[in-house]
Amino acid sequence: MGILRSDDDHALIALGARTLIGRAGHCAVRIDDRQISAEHAALRWTGKEWQLRDLGSRNGTFVDGERLESGRGRGLSAGVSVRFGPHRGFVLAHDGPPGAAAVREADQLLRVSEAEILSLPSAEGMLAIVYEGNDGHWIVEHEGLESEALDGQRLVLGDESWRLILPVAPRSAELPTTWDTSLRPRLETIALTLRVSQDQEHVDVEIKHRGGAIVLSSRVHHLVTLALARARLEDLAAGVRPAELGWRYADELSRMLSLEPGLLTLHLFRAREQVAQAGVEGAARLFERRRLSGQVRIAVEQLTIVNVHNGSDAPES
C-alpha cells in the first residue's frame, strides 16, 4: 500500500486511492501551514503506480528537489522524497496498491494488506482481518465479530499489540477523474457459478464478469461458499425479502460443515483471498457479517449452482 513518512516526526500516513493534500479541512492529508495551499496537491493510484500532481499551488510541489509543473502527474517509487511548499517533507515509504496496514508496537514491524485484505498477525496465523466496506468505512473482523476499524486504533491479538494505519477519505472535495482508472471486475457486478462434484466434496468456482470468466481451482474453503450460496438461493425461492436473504448463524454453519471453532473464519478469509488474487475489486466484501447476531452471508447476488455427473452439468434445483 502507499505510505508517506513525515520527515518531521516520522509519522506514517496511509494513502487512499485518491488522496488530496493541502491546508483545507477536507483534505485527507491536512498540513496546517499558511505556505501550503488549500488544495495543494493530489496523489492517485493508477493501477500501476502512485502519481503525484501539483494543483496550482503557490509555493510548489517537489519530487527529489525538482519542482513539478502544475497540472502534470509524475510517477513515484518507494524511497522518493516529496515536499509540499518550502518546508513540509515526506518520503514515500511504501509504494504498493492502496489498502490497510498495521505496525506491531513491540518492534515497529510493518504489515501491509495483500489483495485488499490485511491479515493479522500474518496470513498463516490469521487472528483478525481488516478491509474496506461498501460505504468506504474500514471493518475489522476478530473472533467472528465485525466492528468499525479506525486509523490509529490499537488491536490486541494474543500477546501482541498492533496499531492500524488506514487511509482517511476526503470528506467533501472531489478529485480530478482524468487519470487512469482500474478495469478490474468489481464484486458488485460479478456472477458466481459453483460446480459441485457428485460426492459433494469438490467445488470449482467460476467468476463471470463483463470481460470474460475466471475459474478458481477447487479448494476446501469453497464448501463454505457453497453452503452460503445455497442458503441465499433457498431463501430467494422461499420469497424471503432481499435484506434477509441468505443470513445464517456462524455457529450453526460450523456445526453443519463439521468445522472446528475458528476454522469458519479462516475459510471465509481464504475464499476472499482467492477471489482477490483473481483480480476482483472489492473481494474483501465477498461475505457480510452482522455485528451483533453472529450471522454471515455471501454478498454476491448472481449465483448458480450446478451438479456435475459423469462430466455433464445439471442445474441444482
Protein backbone atom coordinates (compact mmCIF):
# COMPACT_ATOMS: atom_id res chain seq x y z
CA MET A 1 0.00 0.00 0.00
CA GLY A 2 1.01 3.62 -0.27
CA ILE A 3 2.52 5.09 2.90
CA LEU A 4 4.05 8.54 3.40
CA ARG A 5 6.54 9.02 6.26
CA SER A 6 6.87 12.56 7.63
CA ASP A 7 10.38 13.98 7.89
CA ASP A 8 9.33 15.96 10.98
CA ASP A 9 8.09 13.24 13.34
CA HIS A 10 8.38 10.05 11.24
CA ALA A 11 4.59 9.58 11.43
CA LEU A 12 3.19 7.12 8.89
CA ILE A 13 0.25 8.24 6.73
CA ALA A 14 -1.72 5.69 4.66
CA LEU A 15 -2.81 6.82 1.20
CA GLY A 16 -6.25 6.24 -0.18
CA ALA A 17 -6.70 5.53 -3.89
CA ARG A 18 -7.25 9.29 -4.30
CA THR A 19 -5.64 11.50 -1.68
CA LEU A 20 -5.94 15.28 -1.52
CA ILE A 21 -3.14 17.16 0.25
CA GLY A 22 -3.43 20.74 1.49
CA ARG A 23 -4.40 23.18 4.21
CA ALA A 24 -8.20 22.86 3.83
CA GLY A 25 -10.15 20.82 6.38
CA HIS A 26 -11.49 18.41 3.79
CA CYS A 27 -8.01 17.24 2.72
CA ALA A 28 -7.12 13.66 3.65
CA VAL A 29 -3.54 14.79 4.37
CA ARG A 30 -4.02 18.15 6.07
CA ILE A 31 -0.99 20.44 6.56
CA ASP A 32 -1.82 23.41 8.77
CA ASP A 33 0.68 25.87 7.33
CA ARG A 34 -0.07 29.18 5.60
CA GLN A 35 2.57 28.39 2.98
CA ILE A 36 0.55 25.35 1.92
CA SER A 37 -2.34 25.99 -0.49
CA ALA A 38 -5.87 24.99 0.50
CA GLU A 39 -5.75 22.21 -2.11
CA HIS A 40 -2.04 21.91 -2.76
CA ALA A 41 -1.50 18.56 -4.48
CA ALA A 42 -3.13 15.20 -5.16
CA LEU A 43 -1.85 11.62 -5.05
CA ARG A 44 -3.62 8.90 -7.02
CA TRP A 45 -3.10 5.17 -7.54
CA THR A 46 -3.31 4.49 -11.29
CA GLY A 47 -3.42 0.71 -11.04
CA LYS A 48 0.31 0.53 -11.68
CA GLU A 49 1.95 3.27 -9.62
CA TRP A 50 1.38 6.32 -7.43
CA GLN A 51 1.21 9.59 -9.30
CA LEU A 52 1.62 13.00 -7.71
CA ARG A 53 0.18 16.14 -9.23
CA ASP A 54 0.51 19.76 -8.15
CA LEU A 55 -2.87 21.55 -8.18
CA GLY A 56 -1.59 25.02 -8.97
CA SER A 57 -0.09 25.67 -5.56
CA ARG A 58 1.63 28.99 -4.87
CA ASN A 59 4.78 27.52 -3.29
CA GLY A 60 5.13 24.38 -5.35
CA THR A 61 5.37 20.61 -5.01
CA PHE A 62 8.80 18.98 -5.26
CA VAL A 63 9.99 15.44 -6.00
CA ASP A 64 13.63 14.78 -5.03
CA GLY A 65 14.12 18.55 -5.07
CA GLU A 66 12.66 19.10 -8.54
CA ARG A 67 9.56 21.29 -8.77
CA LEU A 68 6.60 19.72 -10.56
CA GLU A 69 4.91 21.52 -13.40
CA SER A 70 1.38 22.43 -12.29
CA GLY A 71 -1.27 20.02 -13.54
CA ARG A 72 1.11 17.29 -14.72
CA GLY A 73 1.38 13.96 -12.93
CA ARG A 74 4.63 12.27 -12.01
CA GLY A 75 5.07 8.65 -11.02
CA LEU A 76 6.62 7.86 -7.65
CA SER A 77 8.53 4.87 -6.33
CA ALA A 78 9.43 3.82 -2.80
CA GLY A 79 12.12 5.97 -1.21
CA VAL A 80 11.44 9.10 -3.22
CA SER A 81 11.43 12.42 -1.34
CA VAL A 82 8.34 14.64 -1.68
CA ARG A 83 8.00 18.21 -0.42
CA PHE A 84 4.98 20.50 -0.31
CA GLY A 85 5.96 24.17 -0.18
CA PRO A 86 9.29 25.19 1.32
CA HIS A 87 9.26 23.08 4.47
CA ARG A 88 6.94 20.07 4.73
CA GLY A 89 8.81 16.98 3.56
CA PHE A 90 7.81 13.33 3.28
CA VAL A 91 9.22 10.07 1.95
CA LEU A 92 7.14 7.50 0.10
CA ALA A 93 7.91 4.65 2.47
CA HIS A 94 5.84 2.02 0.65
CA ASP A 95 4.55 2.11 -2.93
CA GLY A 96 2.12 -0.82 -3.10
CA PRO A 97 -1.59 -0.55 -4.01
CA PRO A 98 -3.89 1.32 -1.59
CA GLY A 99 -5.14 -0.59 1.41
CA ALA A 100 -4.69 -1.06 5.14
CA ALA A 101 -1.55 -1.52 7.23
CA ALA A 102 -0.58 -2.06 10.84
CA VAL A 103 2.51 -1.59 12.98
CA ARG A 104 3.42 -4.04 15.74
CA GLU A 105 4.05 -1.85 18.76
CA ALA A 106 6.79 -4.01 20.27
CA ASP A 107 9.25 -3.64 17.39
CA GLN A 108 7.55 -1.36 14.81
CA LEU A 109 7.21 -4.23 12.32
CA LEU A 110 5.01 -3.03 9.45
CA ARG A 111 2.44 -5.34 7.84
CA VAL A 112 0.56 -4.19 4.76
CA SER A 113 -2.56 -5.53 3.09
CA GLU A 114 -2.31 -8.07 0.32
CA ALA A 115 -5.05 -8.30 -2.32
CA GLU A 116 -7.14 -5.72 -0.40
CA ILE A 117 -7.09 -7.68 2.88
CA LEU A 118 -4.87 -7.04 5.90
CA SER A 119 -4.45 -10.23 7.92
CA LEU A 120 -3.00 -10.00 11.42
CA PRO A 121 -0.61 -11.05 12.76
CA SER A 122 0.02 -12.90 9.46
CA ALA A 123 -1.83 -14.74 6.70
CA GLU A 124 -0.69 -18.08 8.14
CA GLY A 125 -1.56 -17.25 11.75
CA MET A 126 -4.58 -15.06 10.99
CA LEU A 127 -6.47 -13.84 14.07
CA ALA A 128 -8.08 -10.74 12.56
CA ILE A 129 -8.62 -9.19 9.15
CA VAL A 130 -9.16 -5.57 8.13
CA TYR A 131 -10.76 -4.46 4.87
CA GLU A 132 -12.78 -1.63 3.34
CA GLY A 133 -16.58 -1.89 3.47
CA ASN A 134 -19.09 -0.86 0.81
CA ASP A 135 -19.59 2.57 2.36
CA GLY A 136 -15.89 3.42 2.46
CA HIS A 137 -15.55 2.71 6.19
CA TRP A 138 -12.95 0.22 7.37
CA ILE A 139 -14.02 -3.04 9.01
CA VAL A 140 -12.16 -5.35 11.37
CA GLU A 141 -13.23 -8.97 11.89
CA HIS A 142 -11.96 -10.59 15.07
CA GLU A 143 -13.23 -13.71 16.83
CA GLY A 144 -16.15 -13.94 14.41
CA LEU A 145 -17.38 -10.42 15.13
CA GLU A 146 -17.30 -7.35 12.91
CA SER A 147 -16.76 -3.76 14.00
CA GLU A 148 -15.65 -0.47 12.51
CA ALA A 149 -11.89 -0.01 12.28
CA LEU A 150 -10.32 3.41 12.77
CA ASP A 151 -6.99 4.92 11.80
CA GLY A 152 -4.66 4.69 14.81
CA GLN A 153 -6.81 2.07 16.55
CA ARG A 154 -4.99 -0.41 18.79
CA LEU A 155 -5.70 -4.12 18.34
CA VAL A 156 -4.56 -6.66 20.92
CA LEU A 157 -4.14 -10.08 19.32
CA GLY A 158 -2.83 -12.73 21.68
CA ASP A 159 0.25 -11.28 23.34
CA GLU A 160 0.85 -8.72 20.55
CA SER A 161 -0.44 -5.19 20.16
CA TRP A 162 -0.89 -3.62 16.71
CA ARG A 163 -1.72 -0.05 15.65
CA LEU A 164 -3.80 0.33 12.49
CA ILE A 165 -2.77 2.71 9.70
CA LEU A 166 -5.80 3.32 7.49
CA PRO A 167 -6.41 5.78 4.65
CA VAL A 168 -8.80 8.58 5.57
CA ALA A 169 -11.05 9.60 2.67
CA PRO A 170 -11.68 13.30 1.96
CA ARG A 171 -14.96 14.49 3.49
CA SER A 172 -16.02 16.61 0.53
CA ALA A 173 -13.85 17.88 -2.31
CA GLU A 174 -13.87 15.81 -5.49
CA LEU A 175 -10.52 14.96 -7.01
CA PRO A 176 -9.92 15.14 -10.75
CA THR A 177 -11.06 11.98 -12.55
CA THR A 178 -8.94 12.23 -15.69
CA TRP A 179 -6.19 9.86 -14.55
CA ASP A 180 -6.13 6.15 -15.34
CA THR A 181 -8.83 4.05 -13.70
CA SER A 182 -8.86 0.33 -12.98
CA LEU A 183 -10.66 -2.01 -15.38
CA ARG A 184 -10.77 -4.88 -12.91
CA PRO A 185 -14.08 -6.73 -12.42
CA ARG A 186 -15.97 -5.47 -9.37
CA LEU A 187 -17.61 -7.67 -6.76
CA GLU A 188 -20.93 -5.85 -7.23
CA THR A 189 -21.13 -6.84 -10.92
CA ILE A 190 -19.83 -10.42 -10.99
CA ALA A 191 -21.79 -13.68 -11.11
CA LEU A 192 -20.61 -16.90 -9.47
CA THR A 193 -21.17 -20.40 -10.82
CA LEU A 194 -20.33 -23.20 -8.39
CA ARG A 195 -19.83 -26.67 -9.89
CA VAL A 196 -20.22 -29.44 -7.33
CA SER A 197 -18.85 -32.95 -7.74
CA GLN A 198 -21.13 -35.97 -7.38
CA ASP A 199 -19.70 -36.81 -3.96
CA GLN A 200 -20.18 -33.15 -2.87
CA GLU A 201 -16.54 -32.97 -1.80
CA HIS A 202 -15.13 -30.80 -4.59
CA VAL A 203 -16.34 -27.39 -5.69
CA ASP A 204 -15.00 -25.36 -8.60
CA VAL A 205 -15.92 -21.67 -8.74
CA GLU A 206 -16.25 -19.66 -11.94
CA ILE A 207 -16.34 -15.87 -11.75
CA LYS A 208 -18.22 -14.34 -14.67
CA HIS A 209 -17.78 -10.66 -15.45
CA ARG A 210 -18.17 -8.29 -18.38
CA GLY A 211 -14.70 -9.02 -19.66
CA GLY A 212 -14.98 -12.81 -19.54
CA ALA A 213 -14.65 -15.51 -16.92
CA ILE A 214 -12.13 -16.60 -14.27
CA VAL A 215 -12.07 -20.19 -12.98
CA LEU A 216 -10.83 -20.75 -9.43
CA SER A 217 -9.26 -24.10 -8.65
CA SER A 218 -11.05 -26.32 -6.16
CA ARG A 219 -10.24 -25.59 -2.53
CA VAL A 220 -11.73 -26.83 0.74
CA HIS A 221 -12.95 -23.33 1.62
CA HIS A 222 -15.30 -23.45 -1.38
CA LEU A 223 -17.54 -25.73 0.69
CA VAL A 224 -18.33 -22.75 2.93
CA THR A 225 -19.00 -20.59 -0.14
CA LEU A 226 -21.29 -23.33 -1.47
CA ALA A 227 -23.25 -23.58 1.80
CA LEU A 228 -23.83 -19.83 1.89
CA ALA A 229 -24.75 -19.72 -1.81
CA ARG A 230 -27.32 -22.46 -1.23
CA ALA A 231 -28.70 -20.56 1.76
CA ARG A 232 -29.20 -17.43 -0.32
CA LEU A 233 -30.85 -19.32 -3.19
CA GLU A 234 -33.11 -21.25 -0.79
CA ASP A 235 -34.30 -18.01 0.80
CA LEU A 236 -34.87 -16.46 -2.61
CA ALA A 237 -37.05 -19.41 -3.65
CA ALA A 238 -38.98 -19.12 -0.38
CA GLY A 239 -39.79 -15.46 -1.02
CA VAL A 240 -37.65 -14.04 1.78
CA ARG A 241 -37.26 -10.28 1.44
CA PRO A 242 -33.92 -9.13 -0.04
CA ALA A 243 -32.50 -7.65 3.17
CA GLU A 244 -32.81 -11.05 4.89
CA LEU A 245 -31.65 -13.31 2.06
CA GLY A 246 -29.01 -15.88 2.96
CA TRP A 247 -28.20 -14.93 6.54
CA ARG A 248 -27.08 -17.93 8.64
CA TYR A 249 -25.69 -18.11 12.18
CA ALA A 250 -21.96 -18.79 12.10
CA ASP A 251 -22.05 -21.43 14.84
CA GLU A 252 -24.85 -23.35 13.08
CA LEU A 253 -22.90 -23.18 9.81
CA SER A 254 -19.81 -24.53 11.55
CA ARG A 255 -21.77 -27.45 13.01
CA MET A 256 -23.36 -28.23 9.64
CA LEU A 257 -19.95 -28.35 7.95
CA SER A 258 -18.27 -30.10 10.91
CA LEU A 259 -15.78 -27.27 11.33
CA GLU A 260 -13.79 -26.73 14.50
CA PRO A 261 -14.26 -23.38 16.29
CA GLY A 262 -12.40 -20.63 14.48
CA LEU A 263 -12.00 -22.61 11.26
CA LEU A 264 -15.05 -20.99 9.66
CA THR A 265 -13.41 -17.56 9.89
CA LEU A 266 -10.25 -18.96 8.30
CA HIS A 267 -12.24 -20.48 5.40
CA LEU A 268 -14.06 -17.20 4.82
CA PHE A 269 -10.71 -15.42 4.74
CA ARG A 270 -9.20 -17.93 2.29
CA ALA A 271 -12.18 -17.59 -0.04
CA ARG A 272 -11.92 -13.81 -0.02
CA GLU A 273 -8.17 -14.04 -0.56
CA GLN A 274 -8.52 -16.34 -3.59
CA VAL A 275 -11.15 -14.10 -5.22
CA ALA A 276 -8.97 -11.04 -4.56
CA GLN A 277 -5.93 -12.75 -6.09
CA ALA A 278 -8.06 -13.46 -9.16
CA GLY A 279 -8.28 -9.70 -9.63
CA VAL A 280 -11.80 -8.92 -8.41
CA GLU A 281 -12.04 -5.44 -6.91
CA GLY A 282 -13.87 -5.44 -3.57
CA ALA A 283 -13.25 -9.15 -2.93
CA ALA A 284 -12.83 -8.48 0.79
CA ARG A 285 -16.59 -7.86 0.86
CA LEU A 286 -17.42 -11.30 -0.57
CA PHE A 287 -19.08 -12.15 2.76
CA GLU A 288 -21.07 -9.91 5.07
CA ARG A 289 -21.43 -10.22 8.83
CA ARG A 290 -24.00 -8.84 11.23
CA ARG A 291 -22.12 -7.25 14.08
CA LEU A 292 -24.33 -8.32 16.96
CA SER A 293 -26.07 -11.54 15.90
CA GLY A 294 -23.08 -13.53 14.63
CA GLN A 295 -24.76 -14.12 11.27
CA VAL A 296 -22.96 -14.31 7.96
CA ARG A 297 -24.00 -14.42 4.29
CA ILE A 298 -22.49 -14.29 0.81
CA ALA A 299 -22.78 -10.83 -0.72
CA VAL A 300 -22.92 -11.86 -4.39
CA GLU A 301 -26.48 -11.82 -5.72
CA GLN A 302 -25.98 -13.60 -9.05
CA LEU A 303 -25.43 -17.23 -8.06
CA THR A 304 -25.76 -20.52 -9.94
CA ILE A 305 -25.08 -23.98 -8.56
CA VAL A 306 -24.66 -26.96 -10.88
CA ASN A 307 -24.07 -30.60 -10.02
CA VAL A 308 -21.51 -32.42 -12.15
CA HIS A 309 -22.43 -36.03 -13.00
CA ASN A 310 -20.34 -38.06 -15.44
CA GLY A 311 -18.83 -34.94 -16.87
CA SER A 312 -22.11 -33.14 -17.55
CA ASP A 313 -23.65 -30.20 -15.70
CA ALA A 314 -27.16 -30.18 -14.23
CA PRO A 315 -28.56 -27.07 -12.51
CA GLU A 316 -29.27 -27.67 -8.83
CA SER A 317 -32.98 -27.49 -8.10
